[in-house]
C-alpha cells in the first residue's frame, strides 16, 4: 500500500533513448517528454487500480499481482504481461504483441519519490514522480 496516492511526473532520465529503442518516432518522443503524466495508484491486497492521465490520454488500468493482462502503451504498442511484488519493488515483465520482444519495468519508492524504471533491448530509462 506504500504506492497508494497521486504521483505527478517530475523528471526523466534517458527516456528519449528508451523510446527511440522502442521504435517511437521523433515527434511522439518529443511530445511524450512533456506529457504531464499523473498516476493515481490504489492497492488493495494483490489488486491494483491505476488511473493514468496525461496531455494525450486518460486510462484506467486494473491488474492483480501474478495475473497476466493486456495493455496498450501511450504510443499504441500492445503488450501482454504481469506485475509481481519482489520485496518493496513492483516488477512488470511485458511481451510486445508485434515483435515478441520483452519490456521490463519496475516501480519503487526511493527517498519519497516513485521511480519507474524501464529496460527494452538493452536501453534503460527512468521516470521519477513526486507525490502530488
Protein backbone atom coordinates (compact mmCIF):
# COMPACT_ATOMS: atom_id res chain seq x y z
CA UNK A 1 0.00 0.00 0.00
CA UNK A 2 3.09 2.21 0.01
CA UNK A 3 2.41 3.08 -3.65
CA UNK A 4 -1.06 4.46 -2.87
CA UNK A 5 -1.60 8.10 -3.75
CA UNK A 6 -1.35 10.62 -6.53
CA UNK A 7 2.00 10.91 -8.30
CA UNK A 8 3.00 13.61 -10.81
CA UNK A 9 5.92 13.30 -13.22
CA UNK A 10 8.92 15.36 -12.11
CA UNK A 11 11.76 14.34 -14.42
CA UNK A 12 13.03 11.74 -16.88
CA UNK A 13 16.38 10.01 -17.29
CA UNK A 14 17.33 8.63 -20.74
CA UNK A 15 13.64 8.44 -21.66
CA UNK A 16 14.16 9.70 -25.23
CA UNK A 17 16.74 6.97 -26.00
CA UNK A 18 14.44 4.34 -24.49
CA UNK A 19 11.50 5.49 -26.64
CA UNK A 20 13.76 5.55 -29.71
CA UNK A 21 14.76 1.92 -28.99
CA UNK A 22 11.03 1.09 -28.71
CA UNK A 23 10.60 2.43 -32.27
CA UNK A 24 8.63 5.56 -31.34
CA UNK A 25 9.02 8.35 -33.90
CA UNK A 26 10.75 11.61 -33.03
CA UNK A 27 7.56 13.70 -32.92
CA UNK A 28 5.84 11.38 -30.44
CA UNK A 29 9.06 11.20 -28.38
CA UNK A 30 9.26 14.98 -28.07
CA UNK A 31 5.62 15.17 -27.02
CA UNK A 32 5.98 12.30 -24.54
CA UNK A 33 8.87 14.03 -22.76
CA UNK A 34 6.37 16.74 -21.71
CA UNK A 35 3.23 14.67 -21.18
CA UNK A 36 2.50 15.90 -17.61
CA UNK A 37 1.76 12.31 -16.62
CA UNK A 38 -0.13 11.81 -13.38
CA UNK A 39 -0.72 8.43 -11.75
CA UNK A 40 -3.32 7.69 -9.10
CA UNK A 41 -2.44 4.34 -7.56
CA UNK A 42 -4.74 2.35 -5.31
CA UNK A 43 -3.61 -1.00 -3.93
CA UNK A 44 -5.95 -3.34 -2.11
CA UNK A 45 -4.09 -6.55 -1.25
CA UNK A 46 -2.90 -8.06 -4.56
CA UNK A 47 -5.19 -5.86 -6.67
CA UNK A 48 -4.09 -2.55 -8.17
CA UNK A 49 -6.09 0.19 -9.85
CA UNK A 50 -4.04 2.83 -11.63
CA UNK A 51 -5.53 5.89 -13.25
CA UNK A 52 -3.15 7.43 -15.77
CA UNK A 53 -3.80 10.91 -17.07
CA UNK A 54 -1.57 12.96 -19.33
CA UNK A 55 -1.73 15.60 -22.01
CA UNK A 56 -2.59 12.84 -24.50
CA UNK A 57 -4.87 10.35 -22.81
CA UNK A 58 -6.56 9.08 -19.71
CA UNK A 59 -6.63 5.38 -18.98
CA UNK A 60 -7.73 3.18 -16.09
CA UNK A 61 -5.72 0.01 -15.54
CA UNK A 62 -6.66 -2.80 -13.20
CA UNK A 63 -4.47 -5.79 -12.50
CA UNK A 64 -3.83 -8.46 -9.92
CA UNK A 65 -0.27 -9.39 -8.98
CA UNK A 66 0.85 -12.51 -10.86
CA UNK A 67 -2.11 -12.47 -13.29
CA UNK A 68 -1.39 -11.83 -16.98
CA UNK A 69 -3.24 -8.96 -18.66
CA UNK A 70 -3.17 -6.94 -21.90
CA UNK A 71 -2.16 -3.29 -22.01
CA UNK A 72 -1.75 -0.61 -24.66
CA UNK A 73 1.18 1.78 -24.25
CA UNK A 74 0.61 5.51 -24.89
CA UNK A 75 2.02 5.18 -28.44
CA UNK A 76 -0.41 2.34 -29.22
CA UNK A 77 2.05 -0.55 -28.78
CA UNK A 78 0.15 -3.60 -27.50
CA UNK A 79 1.76 -5.71 -24.79
CA UNK A 80 0.78 -8.60 -22.53
CA UNK A 81 2.39 -9.37 -19.21
CA UNK A 82 2.28 -9.47 -15.44
CA UNK A 83 3.25 -7.44 -12.39
CA UNK A 84 4.74 -9.13 -9.32
CA UNK A 85 5.96 -7.78 -6.00
CA UNK A 86 9.61 -8.50 -5.21
CA UNK A 87 10.23 -7.16 -1.71
CA UNK A 88 9.23 -3.49 -1.88
CA UNK A 89 9.57 -3.33 -5.68
CA UNK A 90 6.72 -3.74 -8.16
CA UNK A 91 8.19 -5.53 -11.20
CA UNK A 92 6.48 -5.88 -14.58
CA UNK A 93 7.50 -8.12 -17.46
CA UNK A 94 5.69 -7.50 -20.72
CA UNK A 95 5.91 -9.02 -24.19
CA UNK A 96 5.23 -6.86 -27.22
CA UNK A 97 2.50 -8.37 -29.38
CA UNK A 98 4.01 -7.00 -32.61
CA UNK A 99 7.53 -8.45 -32.32
CA UNK A 100 7.65 -10.71 -29.23
CA UNK A 101 10.39 -8.65 -27.56
CA UNK A 102 10.44 -8.14 -23.79
CA UNK A 103 9.91 -4.86 -21.94
CA UNK A 104 10.62 -4.83 -18.21
CA UNK A 105 9.61 -2.10 -15.82
CA UNK A 106 9.81 -1.57 -12.08
CA UNK A 107 8.20 0.82 -9.65
CA UNK A 108 9.96 1.57 -6.37
CA UNK A 109 9.82 4.25 -3.70
CA UNK A 110 13.18 5.96 -3.35
CA UNK A 111 13.59 8.90 -0.97
CA UNK A 112 9.87 9.67 -1.06
CA UNK A 113 9.73 9.61 -4.86
CA UNK A 114 8.19 6.99 -7.14
CA UNK A 115 10.88 5.78 -9.54
CA UNK A 116 9.61 3.93 -12.58
CA UNK A 117 12.46 2.20 -14.42
CA UNK A 118 12.32 0.64 -17.88
CA UNK A 119 14.50 -1.68 -19.91
CA UNK A 120 13.99 -2.60 -23.55
CA UNK A 121 16.61 -4.23 -25.75
CA UNK A 122 19.48 -3.10 -23.50
CA UNK A 123 18.36 0.53 -23.09
CA UNK A 124 17.47 1.70 -19.58
CA UNK A 125 15.40 4.74 -18.64
CA UNK A 126 13.69 6.21 -15.59
CA UNK A 127 10.70 8.44 -14.93
CA UNK A 128 10.64 9.98 -11.49
CA UNK A 129 7.37 11.07 -9.85
CA UNK A 130 6.70 13.24 -6.81
CA UNK A 131 3.69 12.86 -4.55
CA UNK A 132 1.05 15.37 -5.63
